[in-house]
C-alpha atoms as a PDB file:
ATOM      1  CA  MET A   1     -17.376   0.913   9.904  1.00  0.00           C
ATOM      2  CA  ILE A   2     -14.020   2.678   9.923  1.00  0.00           C
ATOM      3  CA  ILE A   3     -13.635   6.445  10.396  1.00  0.00           C
ATOM      4  CA  THR A   4     -10.274   8.099   9.769  1.00  0.00           C
ATOM      5  CA  ILE A   5      -9.537  11.722  10.601  1.00  0.00           C
ATOM      6  CA  GLN A   6      -6.513  13.851   9.752  1.00  0.00           C
ATOM      7  CA  CYS A   7      -6.446  17.513  10.793  1.00  0.00           C
ATOM      8  CA  LYS A   8      -4.720  20.176  12.864  1.00  0.00           C
ATOM      9  CA  ASP A   9      -4.656  19.405  16.560  1.00  0.00           C
ATOM     10  CA  ARG A  10      -6.385  21.356  19.290  1.00  0.00           C
ATOM     11  CA  VAL A  11      -7.476  20.795  22.869  1.00  0.00           C
ATOM     12  CA  GLY A  12     -10.617  18.694  23.228  1.00  0.00           C
ATOM     13  CA  LEU A  13     -10.726  17.068  19.796  1.00  0.00           C
ATOM     14  CA  VAL A  14     -11.098  13.521  21.083  1.00  0.00           C
ATOM     15  CA  ALA A  15     -13.865  14.564  23.455  1.00  0.00           C
ATOM     16  CA  GLN A  16     -15.734  16.396  20.689  1.00  0.00           C
ATOM     17  CA  ILE A  17     -15.512  13.441  18.340  1.00  0.00           C
ATOM     18  CA  ALA A  18     -16.759  11.086  21.062  1.00  0.00           C
ATOM     19  CA  GLN A  19     -19.660  13.399  21.889  1.00  0.00           C
ATOM     20  CA  VAL A  20     -20.767  13.602  18.236  1.00  0.00           C
ATOM     21  CA  LEU A  21     -20.747   9.820  17.932  1.00  0.00           C
ATOM     22  CA  ALA A  22     -22.480   9.236  21.256  1.00  0.00           C
ATOM     23  CA  ALA A  23     -25.223  11.725  20.360  1.00  0.00           C
ATOM     24  CA  ARG A  24     -26.018   9.586  17.333  1.00  0.00           C
ATOM     25  CA  ASN A  25     -25.897   6.329  19.267  1.00  0.00           C
ATOM     26  CA  VAL A  26     -22.673   5.293  17.509  1.00  0.00           C
ATOM     27  CA  ASN A  27     -20.520   3.100  19.725  1.00  0.00           C
ATOM     28  CA  ILE A  28     -16.709   3.333  19.480  1.00  0.00           C
ATOM     29  CA  VAL A  29     -15.339  -0.213  19.332  1.00  0.00           C
ATOM     30  CA  SER A  30     -11.700   0.891  19.160  1.00  0.00           C
ATOM     31  CA  MET A  31      -9.785   4.127  18.683  1.00  0.00           C
ATOM     32  CA  ARG A  32      -6.155   4.896  17.878  1.00  0.00           C
ATOM     33  CA  GLU A  33      -4.885   8.461  17.782  1.00  0.00           C
ATOM     34  CA  TYR A  34      -1.559  10.204  17.379  1.00  0.00           C
ATOM     35  CA  VAL A  35      -0.488  13.840  17.647  1.00  0.00           C
ATOM     36  CA  ASP A  36       2.522  15.120  15.749  1.00  0.00           C
ATOM     37  CA  THR A  37       3.503  17.792  18.257  1.00  0.00           C
ATOM     38  CA  VAL A  38       6.169  19.278  15.986  1.00  0.00           C
ATOM     39  CA  ASN A  39       3.711  20.140  13.200  1.00  0.00           C
ATOM     40  CA  ASN A  40       0.551  20.187  15.376  1.00  0.00           C
ATOM     41  CA  ASN A  41      -1.212  17.466  13.380  1.00  0.00           C
ATOM     42  CA  PHE A  42      -3.847  15.042  14.666  1.00  0.00           C
ATOM     43  CA  PHE A  43      -4.463  11.547  13.258  1.00  0.00           C
ATOM     44  CA  ALA A  44      -7.182   9.141  14.397  1.00  0.00           C
ATOM     45  CA  ARG A  45      -8.646   5.817  13.343  1.00  0.00           C
ATOM     46  CA  LEU A  46     -11.937   4.732  14.859  1.00  0.00           C
ATOM     47  CA  GLU A  47     -13.755   1.464  14.437  1.00  0.00           C
ATOM     48  CA  VAL A  48     -17.429   2.003  15.216  1.00  0.00           C
ATOM     49  CA  ASN A  49     -20.725   0.217  14.906  1.00  0.00           C
ATOM     50  CA  HIS A  50     -22.896   0.913  11.886  1.00  0.00           C
ATOM     51  CA  SER A  51     -26.533   1.952  11.797  1.00  0.00           C
ATOM     52  CA  GLU A  52     -28.915   3.775   9.504  1.00  0.00           C
ATOM     53  CA  GLN A  53     -28.433   6.915  11.617  1.00  0.00           C
ATOM     54  CA  ASN A  54     -24.859   7.339  10.348  1.00  0.00           C
ATOM     55  CA  ILE A  55     -25.831   8.850   6.993  1.00  0.00           C
ATOM     56  CA  ALA A  56     -25.159  12.478   8.049  1.00  0.00           C
ATOM     57  CA  LEU A  57     -22.132  11.633  10.184  1.00  0.00           C
ATOM     58  CA  TYR A  58     -19.601  13.080   7.740  1.00  0.00           C
ATOM     59  CA  ASP A  59     -21.284  16.497   7.706  1.00  0.00           C
ATOM     60  CA  VAL A  60     -21.523  16.664  11.495  1.00  0.00           C
ATOM     61  CA  LEU A  61     -17.870  15.723  11.954  1.00  0.00           C
ATOM     62  CA  GLN A  62     -16.850  18.305   9.372  1.00  0.00           C
ATOM     63  CA  GLN A  63     -18.646  20.997  11.369  1.00  0.00           C
ATOM     64  CA  ILE A  64     -16.818  20.297  14.632  1.00  0.00           C
ATOM     65  CA  LEU A  65     -13.344  19.550  13.243  1.00  0.00           C
ATOM     66  CA  PRO A  66     -10.727  22.134  12.212  1.00  0.00           C
ATOM     67  CA  THR A  67     -10.881  23.597   8.711  1.00  0.00           C
ATOM     68  CA  GLU A  68      -9.471  21.376   5.948  1.00  0.00           C
ATOM     69  CA  ALA A  69      -9.839  18.214   8.022  1.00  0.00           C
ATOM     70  CA  ILE A  70      -9.615  15.026   5.957  1.00  0.00           C
ATOM     71  CA  ILE A  71     -12.445  12.712   7.004  1.00  0.00           C
ATOM     72  CA  LYS A  72     -13.054   9.281   5.534  1.00  0.00           C
ATOM     73  CA  ILE A  73     -15.930   7.002   6.487  1.00  0.00           C
ATOM     74  CA  ASN A  74     -15.620   3.501   5.092  1.00  0.00           C
ATOM     75  CA  SER A  75     -18.373   0.978   5.585  1.00  0.00           C
ATOM     76  CA  GLU A  76     -16.996  -1.310   2.865  1.00  0.00           C
ATOM     77  CA  ILE A  77     -14.065  -2.972   4.605  1.00  0.00           C
ATOM     78  CA  GLN A  78     -12.852  -5.173   1.745  1.00  0.00           C
ATOM     79  CA  LYS A  79     -10.771  -3.399  -0.893  1.00  0.00           C
ATOM     80  CA  ASN A  80     -10.162  -4.282  -4.535  1.00  0.00           C
ATOM     81  CA  ILE A  81      -6.710  -4.368  -6.123  1.00  0.00           C
ATOM     82  CA  VAL A  82      -5.023  -4.693  -9.493  1.00  0.00           C
ATOM     83  CA  VAL A  83      -1.594  -6.348  -9.451  1.00  0.00           C
ATOM     84  CA  LEU A  84       1.239  -5.560 -11.873  1.00  0.00           C
ATOM     85  CA  VAL A  85       4.054  -8.098 -12.312  1.00  0.00           C
ATOM     86  CA  SER A  86       7.034  -8.998 -14.481  1.00  0.00           C
ATOM     87  CA  LYS A  87       8.720 -12.398 -14.030  1.00  0.00           C
ATOM     88  CA  GLU A  88       9.267 -12.990 -10.299  1.00  0.00           C
ATOM     89  CA  TYR A  89       6.537 -15.054  -8.667  1.00  0.00           C
ATOM     90  CA  HIS A  90       7.166 -14.939  -4.910  1.00  0.00           C
ATOM     91  CA  CYS A  91       5.112 -11.844  -4.032  1.00  0.00           C
ATOM     92  CA  LEU A  92       2.335 -12.621  -6.505  1.00  0.00           C
ATOM     93  CA  SER A  93       1.957 -16.216  -5.355  1.00  0.00           C
ATOM     94  CA  ASP A  94       1.579 -15.105  -1.735  1.00  0.00           C
ATOM     95  CA  ILE A  95      -1.100 -12.598  -2.748  1.00  0.00           C
ATOM     96  CA  LEU A  96      -2.964 -15.195  -4.826  1.00  0.00           C
ATOM     97  CA  VAL A  97      -2.962 -17.803  -2.063  1.00  0.00           C
ATOM     98  CA  ARG A  98      -4.245 -15.299   0.501  1.00  0.00           C
ATOM     99  CA  ASN A  99      -6.829 -14.076  -1.994  1.00  0.00           C
ATOM    100  CA  HIS A 100      -8.002 -17.642  -2.618  1.00  0.00           C
ATOM    101  CA  PHE A 101      -8.456 -18.351   1.089  1.00  0.00           C
ATOM    102  CA  LYS A 102      -9.958 -14.894   1.749  1.00  0.00           C
ATOM    103  CA  THR A 103      -7.243 -13.808   4.183  1.00  0.00           C
ATOM    104  CA  LEU A 104      -5.827 -11.000   2.041  1.00  0.00           C
ATOM    105  CA  GLY A 105      -8.280  -8.330   3.154  1.00  0.00           C
ATOM    106  CA  ALA A 106      -8.893  -7.432  -0.490  1.00  0.00           C
ATOM    107  CA  GLN A 107     -10.080  -8.983  -3.711  1.00  0.00           C
ATOM    108  CA  VAL A 108      -7.676  -9.331  -6.635  1.00  0.00           C
ATOM    109  CA  GLN A 109      -9.486  -8.045  -9.720  1.00  0.00           C
ATOM    110  CA  CYS A 110      -6.818  -8.925 -12.239  1.00  0.00           C
ATOM    111  CA  VAL A 111      -3.082  -9.305 -12.809  1.00  0.00           C
ATOM    112  CA  ILE A 112      -1.246  -7.430 -15.557  1.00  0.00           C
ATOM    113  CA  GLY A 113       2.209  -8.576 -16.651  1.00  0.00           C
ATOM    114  CA  ASN A 114       4.764  -7.368 -19.159  1.00  0.00           C
ATOM    115  CA  HIS A 115       5.907 -10.993 -19.541  1.00  0.00           C
ATOM    116  CA  ALA A 116       3.738 -14.069 -20.032  1.00  0.00           C
ATOM    117  CA  VAL A 117       5.501 -16.335 -17.524  1.00  0.00           C
ATOM    118  CA  LEU A 118       3.088 -15.724 -14.635  1.00  0.00           C
ATOM    119  CA  GLN A 119      -0.095 -16.284 -16.587  1.00  0.00           C
ATOM    120  CA  GLU A 120      -0.237 -19.978 -15.694  1.00  0.00           C
ATOM    121  CA  ILE A 121      -0.367 -19.445 -11.935  1.00  0.00           C
ATOM    122  CA  CYS A 122      -3.082 -16.813 -12.327  1.00  0.00           C
ATOM    123  CA  THR A 123      -5.105 -19.201 -14.465  1.00  0.00           C
ATOM    124  CA  LYS A 124      -4.846 -21.850 -11.750  1.00  0.00           C
ATOM    125  CA  PHE A 125      -6.308 -19.378  -9.253  1.00  0.00           C
ATOM    126  CA  GLU A 126      -8.950 -18.236 -11.770  1.00  0.00           C
ATOM    127  CA  ILE A 127      -7.689 -14.658 -11.787  1.00  0.00           C
ATOM    128  CA  PRO A 128      -7.766 -12.748 -15.116  1.00  0.00           C
ATOM    129  CA  TYR A 129      -4.270 -12.218 -16.513  1.00  0.00           C
ATOM    130  CA  HIS A 130      -3.515  -9.552 -19.102  1.00  0.00           C
ATOM    131  CA  PHE A 131      -0.209  -9.817 -20.947  1.00  0.00           C
ATOM    132  CA  ILE A 132       1.004  -6.452 -22.235  1.00  0.00           C
ATOM    133  CA  ASP A 133       4.364  -6.694 -23.966  1.00  0.00           C
ATOM    134  CA  HIS A 134       6.621  -3.669 -23.441  1.00  0.00           C
ATOM    135  CA  ASN A 135       8.941  -4.691 -26.267  1.00  0.00           C
ATOM    136  CA  GLY A 136       8.741  -2.759 -29.510  1.00  0.00           C
ATOM    137  CA  ILE A 137       6.598   0.102 -28.184  1.00  0.00           C
ATOM    138  CA  ASP A 138       7.381   3.300 -26.322  1.00  0.00           C
ATOM    139  CA  LYS A 139       6.492   3.895 -22.681  1.00  0.00           C
ATOM    140  CA  GLN A 140       3.515   6.088 -23.524  1.00  0.00           C
ATOM    141  CA  ASN A 141       1.829   3.372 -25.584  1.00  0.00           C
ATOM    142  CA  PHE A 142       2.762   0.683 -23.088  1.00  0.00           C
ATOM    143  CA  GLU A 143       1.182   2.598 -20.214  1.00  0.00           C
ATOM    144  CA  ALA A 144      -1.835   3.489 -22.327  1.00  0.00           C
ATOM    145  CA  GLN A 145      -2.489  -0.227 -22.798  1.00  0.00           C
ATOM    146  CA  ILE A 146      -2.179  -0.803 -19.054  1.00  0.00           C
ATOM    147  CA  LEU A 147      -4.634   2.004 -18.355  1.00  0.00           C
ATOM    148  CA  SER A 148      -7.101   0.649 -20.902  1.00  0.00           C
ATOM    149  CA  VAL A 149      -7.146  -2.624 -18.971  1.00  0.00           C
ATOM    150  CA  ILE A 150      -7.219  -1.372 -15.391  1.00  0.00           C
ATOM    151  CA  ASN A 151      -9.941   1.160 -16.162  1.00  0.00           C
ATOM    152  CA  THR A 152     -12.284  -1.741 -16.887  1.00  0.00           C
ATOM    153  CA  TYR A 153     -11.988  -2.810 -13.245  1.00  0.00           C
ATOM    154  CA  ASN A 154     -13.175  -1.290  -9.984  1.00  0.00           C
ATOM    155  CA  PHE A 155     -10.133  -1.046  -7.708  1.00  0.00           C
ATOM    156  CA  ASP A 156      -8.737   0.851  -4.735  1.00  0.00           C
ATOM    157  CA  PHE A 157      -5.005   0.188  -5.132  1.00  0.00           C
ATOM    158  CA  ILE A 158      -2.473  -0.852  -7.743  1.00  0.00           C
ATOM    159  CA  VAL A 159       0.121  -3.248  -6.341  1.00  0.00           C
ATOM    160  CA  LEU A 160       3.519  -3.520  -8.021  1.00  0.00           C
ATOM    161  CA  ALA A 161       4.461  -7.070  -7.029  1.00  0.00           C
ATOM    162  CA  LYS A 162       7.968  -7.024  -8.536  1.00  0.00           C
ATOM    163  CA  PHE A 163       6.897  -5.052 -11.601  1.00  0.00           C
ATOM    164  CA  MET A 164      10.272  -4.159 -13.055  1.00  0.00           C
ATOM    165  CA  ARG A 165       9.311  -1.135 -15.119  1.00  0.00           C
ATOM    166  CA  ILE A 166       9.528   2.516 -14.080  1.00  0.00           C
ATOM    167  CA  LEU A 167       6.164   4.242 -14.411  1.00  0.00           C
ATOM    168  CA  SER A 168       5.991   7.727 -15.906  1.00  0.00           C
ATOM    169  CA  PRO A 169       5.017  10.836 -13.899  1.00  0.00           C
ATOM    170  CA  SER A 170       1.833  11.181 -15.956  1.00  0.00           C
ATOM    171  CA  PHE A 171       0.742   7.638 -15.043  1.00  0.00           C
ATOM    172  CA  ILE A 172       1.580   8.093 -11.362  1.00  0.00           C
ATOM    173  CA  ALA A 173      -0.251  11.432 -11.219  1.00  0.00           C
ATOM    174  CA  GLY A 174      -3.554   9.665 -11.792  1.00  0.00           C
ATOM    175  CA  PHE A 175      -3.147   7.434  -8.725  1.00  0.00           C
ATOM    176  CA  THR A 176      -1.739   9.515  -5.878  1.00  0.00           C
ATOM    177  CA  HIS A 177      -1.063   7.269  -2.878  1.00  0.00           C
ATOM    178  CA  LYS A 178      -2.813   4.423  -4.691  1.00  0.00           C
ATOM    179  CA  ILE A 179       0.235   2.630  -6.121  1.00  0.00           C
ATOM    180  CA  VAL A 180       2.238   0.422  -3.748  1.00  0.00           C
ATOM    181  CA  ASN A 181       5.672  -0.958  -4.611  1.00  0.00           C
ATOM    182  CA  ILE A 182       7.901  -3.525  -2.932  1.00  0.00           C
ATOM    183  CA  HIS A 183      11.558  -2.551  -3.187  1.00  0.00           C
ATOM    184  CA  HIS A 184      14.235  -5.180  -2.716  1.00  0.00           C
ATOM    185  CA  SER A 185      16.312  -3.074  -0.345  1.00  0.00           C
ATOM    186  CA  PHE A 186      16.104  -1.309   2.990  1.00  0.00           C
ATOM    187  CA  LEU A 187      15.550   2.197   1.638  1.00  0.00           C
ATOM    188  CA  PRO A 188      17.162   4.671   1.311  1.00  0.00           C
ATOM    189  CA  ALA A 189      20.183   2.382   0.919  1.00  0.00           C
ATOM    190  CA  PHE A 190      21.012   0.785  -2.445  1.00  0.00           C
ATOM    191  CA  ILE A 191      18.434   2.523  -4.596  1.00  0.00           C
ATOM    192  CA  GLY A 192      18.018   1.282  -8.161  1.00  0.00           C
ATOM    193  CA  ALA A 193      19.178  -1.901  -9.846  1.00  0.00           C
ATOM    194  CA  SER A 194      21.039  -4.893  -8.350  1.00  0.00           C
ATOM    195  CA  PRO A 195      20.675  -3.910  -4.678  1.00  0.00           C
ATOM    196  CA  TYR A 196      21.818  -7.294  -3.370  1.00  0.00           C
ATOM    197  CA  ARG A 197      24.980  -7.149  -5.425  1.00  0.00           C
ATOM    198  CA  GLN A 198      25.533  -3.627  -4.129  1.00  0.00           C
ATOM    199  CA  ALA A 199      24.960  -4.877  -0.586  1.00  0.00           C
ATOM    200  CA  HIS A 200      27.370  -7.777  -1.041  1.00  0.00           C
ATOM    201  CA  GLN A 201      30.069  -5.491  -2.406  1.00  0.00           C
ATOM    202  CA  ARG A 202      29.592  -3.149   0.532  1.00  0.00           C
ATOM    203  CA  GLY A 203      29.820  -5.988   3.035  1.00  0.00           C
ATOM    204  CA  VAL A 204      26.591  -5.141   4.834  1.00  0.00           C
ATOM    205  CA  LYS A 205      25.463  -7.067   7.913  1.00  0.00           C
ATOM    206  CA  LEU A 206      21.759  -6.407   7.383  1.00  0.00           C
ATOM    207  CA  ILE A 207      19.578  -6.691   4.289  1.00  0.00           C
ATOM    208  CA  GLY A 208      15.958  -5.738   4.038  1.00  0.00           C
ATOM    209  CA  ALA A 209      12.941  -4.748   1.989  1.00  0.00           C
ATOM    210  CA  THR A 210      10.699  -1.705   1.834  1.00  0.00           C
ATOM    211  CA  ALA A 211       7.067  -1.290   0.811  1.00  0.00           C
ATOM    212  CA  HIS A 212       6.231   2.273  -0.186  1.00  0.00           C
ATOM    213  CA  PHE A 213       3.869   4.434  -2.175  1.00  0.00           C
ATOM    214  CA  VAL A 214       5.077   5.242  -5.673  1.00  0.00           C
ATOM    215  CA  THR A 215       5.910   8.867  -6.478  1.00  0.00           C
ATOM    216  CA  ASN A 216       7.833  10.616  -9.230  1.00  0.00           C
ATOM    217  CA  ASP A 217      11.013  10.272  -7.175  1.00  0.00           C
ATOM    218  CA  LEU A 218      12.312   6.750  -7.824  1.00  0.00           C
ATOM    219  CA  ASP A 219      12.072   4.569  -4.687  1.00  0.00           C
ATOM    220  CA  GLU A 220      11.558   7.628  -2.475  1.00  0.00           C
ATOM    221  CA  GLY A 221       7.801   7.601  -1.879  1.00  0.00           C
ATOM    222  CA  PRO A 222       6.275   7.465   1.630  1.00  0.00           C
ATOM    223  CA  ILE A 223       7.366   4.271   3.376  1.00  0.00           C
ATOM    224  CA  ILE A 224       4.609   1.983   4.683  1.00  0.00           C
ATOM    225  CA  ALA A 225       6.578  -0.990   6.046  1.00  0.00           C
ATOM    226  CA  GLN A 226      10.166  -2.197   6.308  1.00  0.00           C
ATOM    227  CA  GLN A 227      11.982  -5.240   7.637  1.00  0.00           C
ATOM    228  CA  THR A 228      15.582  -6.345   7.934  1.00  0.00           C
ATOM    229  CA  MET A 229      17.390  -9.640   8.436  1.00  0.00           C
ATOM    230  CA  PRO A 230      20.986 -10.181   9.577  1.00  0.00           C
ATOM    231  CA  VAL A 231      23.539 -11.602   7.130  1.00  0.00           C
ATOM    232  CA  ASN A 232      27.253 -12.239   7.390  1.00  0.00           C
ATOM    233  CA  HIS A 233      30.421 -12.619   5.323  1.00  0.00           C
ATOM    234  CA  THR A 234      29.435 -16.117   4.155  1.00  0.00           C
ATOM    235  CA  TYR A 235      26.436 -14.793   2.206  1.00  0.00           C
ATOM    236  CA  GLN A 236      26.990 -14.622  -1.532  1.00  0.00           C
ATOM    237  CA  PRO A 237      24.724 -12.474  -3.767  1.00  0.00           C
ATOM    238  CA  ALA A 238      22.555 -15.531  -4.521  1.00  0.00           C
ATOM    239  CA  ASP A 239      22.073 -16.161  -0.787  1.00  0.00           C
ATOM    240  CA  MET A 240      21.070 -12.543  -0.292  1.00  0.00           C
ATOM    241  CA  VAL A 241      18.589 -12.748  -3.155  1.00  0.00           C
ATOM    242  CA  ARG A 242      16.980 -15.874  -1.686  1.00  0.00           C
ATOM    243  CA  THR A 243      16.736 -14.330   1.776  1.00  0.00           C
ATOM    244  CA  GLY A 244      15.597 -11.040   0.286  1.00  0.00           C
ATOM    245  CA  LYS A 245      12.657 -12.671  -1.478  1.00  0.00           C
ATOM    246  CA  GLU A 246      11.384 -13.980   1.846  1.00  0.00           C
ATOM    247  CA  ILE A 247      11.616 -10.502   3.355  1.00  0.00           C
ATOM    248  CA  GLU A 248       9.974  -8.872   0.337  1.00  0.00           C
ATOM    249  CA  THR A 249       6.980 -11.184   0.570  1.00  0.00           C
ATOM    250  CA  ALA A 250       6.539 -10.524   4.298  1.00  0.00           C
ATOM    251  CA  VAL A 251       6.951  -6.754   4.037  1.00  0.00           C
ATOM    252  CA  LEU A 252       4.585  -6.360   1.101  1.00  0.00           C
ATOM    253  CA  ILE A 253       1.758  -8.265   2.766  1.00  0.00           C
ATOM    254  CA  LYS A 254       2.249  -6.334   6.003  1.00  0.00           C
ATOM    255  CA  ALA A 255       1.990  -3.038   4.133  1.00  0.00           C
ATOM    256  CA  LEU A 256      -1.029  -4.154   2.107  1.00  0.00           C
ATOM    257  CA  GLN A 257      -2.974  -5.388   5.103  1.00  0.00           C
ATOM    258  CA  SER A 258      -2.334  -2.092   6.898  1.00  0.00           C
ATOM    259  CA  LEU A 259      -3.689  -0.270   3.847  1.00  0.00           C
ATOM    260  CA  PHE A 260      -6.669  -2.555   3.423  1.00  0.00           C
ATOM    261  CA  SER A 261      -7.729  -1.960   7.034  1.00  0.00           C
ATOM    262  CA  ASP A 262      -7.401   1.843   6.737  1.00  0.00           C
ATOM    263  CA  ARG A 263      -4.445   2.093   9.116  1.00  0.00           C
ATOM    264  CA  VAL A 264      -2.161   4.236   6.933  1.00  0.00           C
ATOM    265  CA  PHE A 265      -2.102   8.037   6.864  1.00  0.00           C
ATOM    266  CA  VAL A 266       0.154  10.007   4.521  1.00  0.00           C
ATOM    267  CA  TYR A 267       1.577  13.353   5.532  1.00  0.00           C
ATOM    268  CA  ASP A 268       4.237  15.086   3.449  1.00  0.00           C
ATOM    269  CA  ASN A 269       6.540  12.223   2.445  1.00  0.00           C
ATOM    270  CA  LYS A 270       5.947  10.166   5.581  1.00  0.00           C
ATOM    271  CA  THR A 271       3.291   7.805   6.875  1.00  0.00           C
ATOM    272  CA  ILE A 272       1.535   7.266  10.174  1.00  0.00           C
ATOM    273  CA  VAL A 273       0.690   3.561  10.481  1.00  0.00           C
ATOM    274  CA  PHE A 274      -1.517   2.281  13.296  1.00  0.00           C
ATOM    275  CA  ASP A 275      -0.347  -1.325  13.645  1.00  0.00           C
END
């Protein structure tokens, strides 16, 4: 069982939490904690054993923690996800392979695409694929069709695995900190379209990728994971794209596995990630 706590800091918090658990014969297997001394915020992730005596644990913790503490107790480790895609296969294929061999840390419920090109690979992995064409309809109707599909599934997160459509504020509002995007750039540099061409024109020596939560501000949501790779003057845009796809795949899976194991805390527009 995983317990996560986010609250204001004060002297003795760790000791109080440990005492509450010990009194209920709950053993702490591992604990990670961090204090943001600037804003006086406390973050903790505890992995504990599970027993029938843990039913009232939330209420007891709430009593001893500061007001407005955010407490989550998760006994169901495996998460469920819905994946949204367009045409690019590299991130989706990595997710499907890991899902097939049960190393993803989550179960893919379905894949939704605004193009039909990735349906074949989903069929091979026996994952439901829903093709929703964005052509000829407005964004409101397009997103309404997406919602009608995803609402038939039980899921924890929506993963944008190279989904090349901008979601509306009304759509995003229904899934706060539940939508994860992989951006083909080391944010905040080269926001928007054609980042590798922008990078090539600028003559950069590093390219990268960023996995982040989706907010109303394009490509500016809380960052979960990032990675860079050195390049040089011999790299053409096509070389950067090829290298970038490798980075995107690695960064997205790193971010997802942190999320799936309850290691990510969001505060303001930043994250605390216990690697």
